[in-house]
Amino acid sequence: MAQMTRCVQMVDTEYLRQIEEARTDLHNLLSLNKQFAPTILRLAFHDAGTYDAKTNTGGTNGSVRNEMSTAPNVGMQAALDFCEQVKVRHSKVTYADLYQLAGVVAVEVTGGPKIHFAPGRKDAPPQQDKGNLPKPNGDSKHLRDIFHRMGLSDKDIVVLSGAHTLGRAHQDRSGFDGPFTRDPLTFDNSYYVLLMKGDTAGLVKFPTDNSLMQDPTFRVYVQIYARDQNLFFKDYAESHKKMSELGFHPHKHASHPDPHPHPTSHSHEVPHHNQNHSHNHNHNQNHHAQPQQLPQCRPRPPCGYF
């Protein structure tokens, strides 16, 4: 794909108002339908994960909605439909912003950290991005090839893998079947605790998950996060923000701060390993009046991650 000229969505007072109303709607809907949180988070990852830092192509541009026929996105139509009921109420909000905002809210409503969100992503024209996403059967080299292409670091790989604390694997999507943790609708550090324990009856580990224990650099981070959930939450908020801004540079364009700021954290780095670093530099109670009651999603079985 040829190098893209990146544009930014106009973020004015009306746009910010609709973003905050969309945030409230997403929070209300996901609080009532937490079974959708894992696949919503997967949607945000897959829209971002096509990014190529060298060519500045792919990334958080909303194109994932045109990519439902591709193998990595099987099973995500429910996430698109979930977000669409918010999009129709807040039409100015781009799909690119909506999917990343939904991912932030999905982490928060399941007990995870508050993640800074900056609006202003512009939707790509109808297209399918070509960047490869991680495959469950990959090894540590595969993970580095994919994430370093995005401009993310070894630490980001391990931190973002911690999102497997949510959801489950499905045989028809990944070739595996079962949850990753005992409580697949709670965001915590149990993913790392279970990696340290090895195989656990009834739970799934992808080869990519096991590679985090086999690779000495990755394993150091697994050990740290298994011991310290607070540190995992701080580092996850930072890495998720980087992921959610792949191909989007809000510090160059945005003149409005996040109305839900959270304190900047100093994450734990492992000083004796060289790493590739990203080039991309709370959810409190909403101030606005509650929106009209949204139609509730019909009950469905919990949505899986892969």
Protein backbone atom coordinates (compact mmCIF):
# COMPACT_ATOMS: atom_id res chain seq x y z
CA MET A 1 0.00 0.00 0.00
CA ALA A 2 1.31 3.45 -0.80
CA GLN A 3 2.20 5.78 2.03
CA MET A 4 -0.87 7.56 3.35
CA THR A 5 -1.24 11.27 3.95
CA ARG A 6 -2.61 11.37 7.46
CA CYS A 7 -5.50 13.71 8.17
CA VAL A 8 -7.17 14.48 11.47
CA GLN A 9 -10.83 14.83 12.35
CA MET A 10 -11.89 18.34 13.33
CA VAL A 11 -12.28 18.33 17.12
CA ASP A 12 -14.51 21.22 18.11
CA THR A 13 -16.86 21.77 21.05
CA GLU A 14 -19.70 19.84 19.40
CA TYR A 15 -17.42 16.93 18.57
CA LEU A 16 -16.17 16.77 22.17
CA ARG A 17 -19.76 16.84 23.41
CA GLN A 18 -20.67 13.88 21.20
CA ILE A 19 -17.53 12.00 22.27
CA GLU A 20 -18.50 12.37 25.92
CA GLU A 21 -22.07 11.32 25.26
CA ALA A 22 -20.80 8.31 23.31
CA ARG A 23 -18.51 7.45 26.22
CA THR A 24 -21.47 7.53 28.59
CA ASP A 25 -23.60 5.37 26.29
CA LEU A 26 -20.77 2.84 25.88
CA HIS A 27 -20.24 2.73 29.63
CA ASN A 28 -23.93 2.18 30.32
CA LEU A 29 -24.31 -0.49 27.64
CA LEU A 30 -21.16 -2.40 28.55
CA SER A 31 -21.95 -2.25 32.25
CA LEU A 32 -25.22 -4.03 31.49
CA ASN A 33 -23.70 -6.36 28.86
CA LYS A 34 -20.17 -7.17 30.04
CA GLN A 35 -20.10 -10.29 27.89
CA PHE A 36 -19.42 -7.95 24.95
CA ALA A 37 -16.31 -6.38 26.54
CA PRO A 38 -13.76 -8.95 25.27
CA THR A 39 -14.83 -8.76 21.64
CA ILE A 40 -15.08 -4.94 21.82
CA LEU A 41 -11.48 -4.86 23.06
CA ARG A 42 -10.50 -7.23 20.26
CA LEU A 43 -12.14 -4.87 17.75
CA ALA A 44 -10.03 -1.95 19.01
CA PHE A 45 -6.84 -4.03 18.84
CA HIS A 46 -7.55 -5.28 15.34
CA ASP A 47 -8.26 -1.81 13.96
CA ALA A 48 -4.96 -0.57 15.41
CA GLY A 49 -2.86 -3.67 14.80
CA THR A 50 -2.46 -3.28 11.02
CA TYR A 51 -0.15 -0.28 11.51
CA ASP A 52 3.25 -0.14 9.80
CA ALA A 53 5.47 2.52 11.33
CA LYS A 54 7.86 2.63 8.36
CA THR A 55 5.18 3.31 5.75
CA ASN A 56 2.72 5.05 8.10
CA THR A 57 -0.10 2.84 6.78
CA GLY A 58 -2.93 1.04 8.56
CA GLY A 59 -3.65 1.72 12.21
CA THR A 60 -6.57 3.32 14.00
CA ASN A 61 -8.60 4.50 11.01
CA GLY A 62 -11.89 2.59 11.36
CA SER A 63 -11.15 0.32 8.40
CA VAL A 64 -11.68 -2.83 10.46
CA ARG A 65 -15.40 -2.53 9.66
CA ASN A 66 -14.49 -3.32 6.03
CA GLU A 67 -12.39 -6.32 7.02
CA MET A 68 -14.93 -8.70 8.55
CA SER A 69 -14.31 -11.26 5.79
CA THR A 70 -10.63 -11.68 6.73
CA ALA A 71 -9.65 -14.65 8.89
CA PRO A 72 -8.37 -12.71 11.95
CA ASN A 73 -11.70 -10.86 12.26
CA VAL A 74 -14.05 -13.85 12.27
CA GLY A 75 -16.63 -13.47 15.03
CA MET A 76 -16.37 -9.70 15.42
CA GLN A 77 -19.58 -8.67 13.66
CA ALA A 78 -21.29 -8.58 17.06
CA ALA A 79 -18.79 -5.93 18.18
CA LEU A 80 -19.53 -3.80 15.11
CA ASP A 81 -23.27 -4.11 15.73
CA PHE A 82 -22.79 -3.17 19.38
CA CYS A 83 -20.87 -0.01 18.46
CA GLU A 84 -23.31 0.88 15.69
CA GLN A 85 -26.13 1.53 18.17
CA VAL A 86 -23.91 4.24 19.69
CA LYS A 87 -22.75 5.57 16.32
CA VAL A 88 -26.31 6.25 15.13
CA ARG A 89 -26.91 8.46 18.18
CA HIS A 90 -23.65 10.39 17.82
CA SER A 91 -23.11 10.62 14.09
CA LYS A 92 -20.23 13.12 14.18
CA VAL A 93 -18.02 10.66 16.04
CA THR A 94 -15.81 8.80 13.55
CA TYR A 95 -15.70 5.02 13.54
CA ALA A 96 -11.96 5.29 14.20
CA ASP A 97 -12.56 7.23 17.42
CA LEU A 98 -15.59 5.15 18.39
CA TYR A 99 -13.79 1.79 18.22
CA GLN A 100 -10.86 3.03 20.28
CA LEU A 101 -13.11 4.75 22.81
CA ALA A 102 -15.11 1.52 23.11
CA GLY A 103 -11.90 -0.42 23.79
CA VAL A 104 -10.94 2.01 26.57
CA VAL A 105 -14.38 1.70 28.15
CA ALA A 106 -14.37 -2.12 27.84
CA VAL A 107 -11.21 -2.26 29.96
CA GLU A 108 -12.63 0.13 32.56
CA VAL A 109 -16.03 -1.55 33.05
CA THR A 110 -14.39 -4.93 33.62
CA GLY A 111 -12.23 -3.56 36.43
CA GLY A 112 -9.14 -2.48 34.51
CA PRO A 113 -7.25 0.82 34.58
CA LYS A 114 -8.47 4.17 33.33
CA ILE A 115 -6.85 4.93 29.97
CA HIS A 116 -6.28 8.39 28.50
CA PHE A 117 -8.27 8.93 25.31
CA ALA A 118 -7.62 11.73 22.83
CA PRO A 119 -10.21 12.18 20.05
CA GLY A 120 -9.52 13.21 16.47
CA ARG A 121 -8.94 10.05 14.42
CA LYS A 122 -10.21 10.34 10.85
CA ASP A 123 -11.93 7.45 9.08
CA ALA A 124 -10.07 5.96 6.13
CA PRO A 125 -11.90 5.69 2.80
CA PRO A 126 -13.45 2.27 2.15
CA GLN A 127 -10.46 -0.05 2.17
CA GLN A 128 -8.95 -3.12 3.79
CA ASP A 129 -5.66 -2.56 5.57
CA LYS A 130 -2.99 -5.14 4.79
CA GLY A 131 -0.87 -5.25 7.96
CA ASN A 132 -0.63 -8.70 9.56
CA LEU A 133 -2.03 -9.32 13.03
CA PRO A 134 -0.52 -11.72 15.59
CA LYS A 135 -1.32 -15.40 15.01
CA PRO A 136 -2.07 -17.63 18.03
CA ASN A 137 0.46 -20.26 16.89
CA GLY A 138 3.35 -17.83 16.63
CA ASP A 139 6.56 -17.73 18.66
CA SER A 140 8.49 -14.84 20.21
CA LYS A 141 10.05 -13.92 16.86
CA HIS A 142 6.59 -13.71 15.31
CA LEU A 143 5.40 -11.43 18.11
CA ARG A 144 8.41 -9.16 17.68
CA ASP A 145 8.01 -9.05 13.91
CA ILE A 146 4.38 -7.92 14.26
CA PHE A 147 4.65 -5.51 17.19
CA HIS A 148 8.00 -3.96 16.25
CA ARG A 149 6.56 -3.27 12.78
CA MET A 150 3.92 -1.20 14.58
CA GLY A 151 6.64 0.70 16.47
CA LEU A 152 5.86 -1.01 19.78
CA SER A 153 8.42 -2.42 22.22
CA ASP A 154 9.08 -5.76 23.91
CA LYS A 155 7.43 -4.42 27.04
CA ASP A 156 4.35 -3.41 25.04
CA ILE A 157 4.13 -6.98 23.69
CA VAL A 158 3.95 -8.48 27.18
CA VAL A 159 1.69 -5.76 28.59
CA LEU A 160 -0.85 -5.89 25.75
CA SER A 161 -0.84 -9.70 25.87
CA GLY A 162 -2.28 -9.24 29.35
CA ALA A 163 -5.59 -8.36 27.67
CA HIS A 164 -6.05 -12.14 27.44
CA THR A 165 -7.28 -11.82 30.99
CA LEU A 166 -10.61 -11.14 29.21
CA GLY A 167 -12.52 -13.51 26.98
CA ARG A 168 -12.00 -16.99 25.66
CA ALA A 169 -10.72 -18.84 22.62
CA HIS A 170 -13.08 -20.38 20.06
CA GLN A 171 -12.31 -23.49 18.03
CA ASP A 172 -13.67 -22.00 14.80
CA ARG A 173 -11.50 -18.88 15.10
CA SER A 174 -8.15 -19.94 16.53
CA GLY A 175 -8.25 -23.73 16.72
CA PHE A 176 -8.37 -23.52 20.52
CA ASP A 177 -11.38 -23.59 22.82
CA GLY A 178 -11.81 -22.32 26.36
CA PRO A 179 -11.14 -19.31 28.59
CA PHE A 180 -7.69 -17.94 29.35
CA THR A 181 -8.47 -17.23 33.02
CA ARG A 182 -10.96 -18.37 35.65
CA ASP A 183 -12.97 -15.14 35.39
CA PRO A 184 -12.95 -14.08 31.72
CA LEU A 185 -15.03 -10.94 32.35
CA THR A 186 -12.68 -9.43 34.95
CA PHE A 187 -9.62 -7.42 33.94
CA ASP A 188 -6.78 -8.23 36.35
CA ASN A 189 -3.26 -9.72 36.38
CA SER A 190 -4.40 -13.35 36.60
CA TYR A 191 -3.16 -13.98 33.03
CA TYR A 192 0.44 -13.60 34.25
CA VAL A 193 -0.15 -15.55 37.45
CA LEU A 194 -1.43 -18.46 35.37
CA LEU A 195 1.47 -18.22 32.91
CA MET A 196 3.82 -18.65 35.87
CA LYS A 197 1.94 -21.77 36.98
CA GLY A 198 2.15 -23.51 33.61
CA ASP A 199 -0.67 -25.55 32.08
CA THR A 200 -3.95 -25.35 34.02
CA ALA A 201 -6.81 -27.78 33.46
CA GLY A 202 -9.75 -26.15 31.66
CA LEU A 203 -7.81 -23.05 30.59
CA VAL A 204 -6.22 -22.17 27.25
CA LYS A 205 -2.73 -20.92 26.48
CA PHE A 206 -1.80 -20.08 22.91
CA PRO A 207 1.76 -20.81 21.75
CA THR A 208 2.22 -17.02 21.70
CA ASP A 209 1.24 -16.93 25.39
CA ASN A 210 3.73 -19.68 26.25
CA SER A 211 6.44 -17.83 24.32
CA LEU A 212 6.28 -15.07 26.93
CA MET A 213 7.69 -17.53 29.48
CA GLN A 214 10.17 -19.10 27.06
CA ASP A 215 11.80 -15.82 25.98
CA PRO A 216 14.09 -14.42 28.73
CA THR A 217 13.26 -10.76 28.05
CA PHE A 218 9.51 -11.37 27.97
CA ARG A 219 9.67 -13.62 31.05
CA VAL A 220 11.07 -10.82 33.24
CA TYR A 221 7.95 -8.74 32.58
CA VAL A 222 5.63 -11.70 33.18
CA GLN A 223 7.25 -12.24 36.58
CA ILE A 224 6.92 -8.55 37.47
CA TYR A 225 3.24 -8.32 36.52
CA ALA A 226 2.35 -11.61 38.22
CA ARG A 227 3.60 -10.05 41.47
CA ASP A 228 2.26 -6.52 41.07
CA GLN A 229 -1.19 -5.86 39.63
CA ASN A 230 -0.97 -2.13 40.30
CA LEU A 231 2.16 -1.88 38.17
CA PHE A 232 0.53 -3.95 35.44
CA PHE A 233 -2.44 -1.56 35.42
CA LYS A 234 -0.14 1.48 35.15
CA ASP A 235 1.88 -0.02 32.33
CA TYR A 236 -1.19 -1.38 30.58
CA ALA A 237 -2.80 2.08 30.51
CA GLU A 238 0.36 3.45 28.89
CA SER A 239 0.74 0.67 26.31
CA HIS A 240 -2.96 0.62 25.45
CA LYS A 241 -2.84 4.37 24.83
CA LYS A 242 0.11 3.87 22.46
CA MET A 243 -1.76 1.10 20.66
CA SER A 244 -4.90 3.21 20.38
CA GLU A 245 -2.94 6.03 18.71
CA LEU A 246 -1.07 4.02 16.08
CA GLY A 247 -1.13 6.14 12.93
CA PHE A 248 -2.66 9.04 14.88
CA HIS A 249 -0.64 11.79 16.53
CA PRO A 250 -2.94 13.76 18.84
CA HIS A 251 -0.13 15.84 20.35
CA LYS A 252 0.37 17.41 16.93
CA HIS A 253 -3.28 18.24 16.36
CA ALA A 254 -5.44 18.16 19.46
CA SER A 255 -6.03 21.40 21.28
CA HIS A 256 -8.39 19.89 23.84
CA PRO A 257 -7.25 17.80 26.83
CA ASP A 258 -8.89 14.51 27.71
CA PRO A 259 -11.81 15.43 30.00
CA HIS A 260 -11.08 12.21 31.92
CA PRO A 261 -7.36 12.56 32.70
CA HIS A 262 -5.43 10.15 34.86
CA PRO A 263 -2.04 10.66 36.53
CA THR A 264 1.01 9.91 34.41
CA SER A 265 2.72 6.82 35.72
CA HIS A 266 6.40 5.89 35.65
CA SER A 267 6.40 2.34 34.42
CA HIS A 268 8.93 -0.29 35.30
CA GLU A 269 11.58 -0.76 32.63
CA VAL A 270 14.08 -3.61 32.45
CA PRO A 271 17.35 -1.68 32.02
CA HIS A 272 19.63 -4.48 30.83
CA HIS A 273 17.68 -5.36 27.67
CA ASN A 274 17.59 -3.18 24.56
CA GLN A 275 14.08 -2.62 23.24
CA ASN A 276 12.40 -0.92 20.31
CA HIS A 277 10.42 2.05 21.59
CA SER A 278 7.27 3.46 20.09
CA HIS A 279 7.54 6.63 18.05
CA ASN A 280 4.09 7.69 19.20
CA HIS A 281 4.37 9.69 22.01
CA ASN A 282 -10.58 8.41 34.37
CA HIS A 283 -13.15 7.41 33.45
CA ASN A 284 -14.78 9.52 36.24
CA GLN A 285 -18.51 10.02 36.50
CA ASN A 286 -19.65 11.85 33.37
CA HIS A 287 -20.59 15.51 33.88
CA HIS A 288 -23.32 15.45 31.25
CA ALA A 289 -26.94 14.56 31.80
CA GLN A 290 -27.71 10.90 31.29
CA PRO A 291 -28.72 10.14 27.70
CA GLN A 292 -32.03 8.65 26.75
CA GLN A 293 -32.40 4.99 27.57
CA LEU A 294 -30.69 2.97 24.87
CA PRO A 295 -32.27 -0.21 23.61
CA GLN A 296 -30.62 -3.03 25.55
CA CYS A 297 -28.76 -5.71 23.66
CA ARG A 298 -30.50 -9.02 23.51
CA PRO A 299 -28.81 -11.51 25.84
CA ARG A 300 -26.19 -13.60 24.07
CA PRO A 301 -23.49 -16.04 25.23
CA PRO A 302 -20.24 -14.35 26.30
CA CYS A 303 -18.28 -13.12 23.30
CA GLY A 304 -14.80 -14.58 23.04
CA TYR A 305 -11.52 -12.90 22.27
CA PHE A 306 -10.18 -15.25 19.59
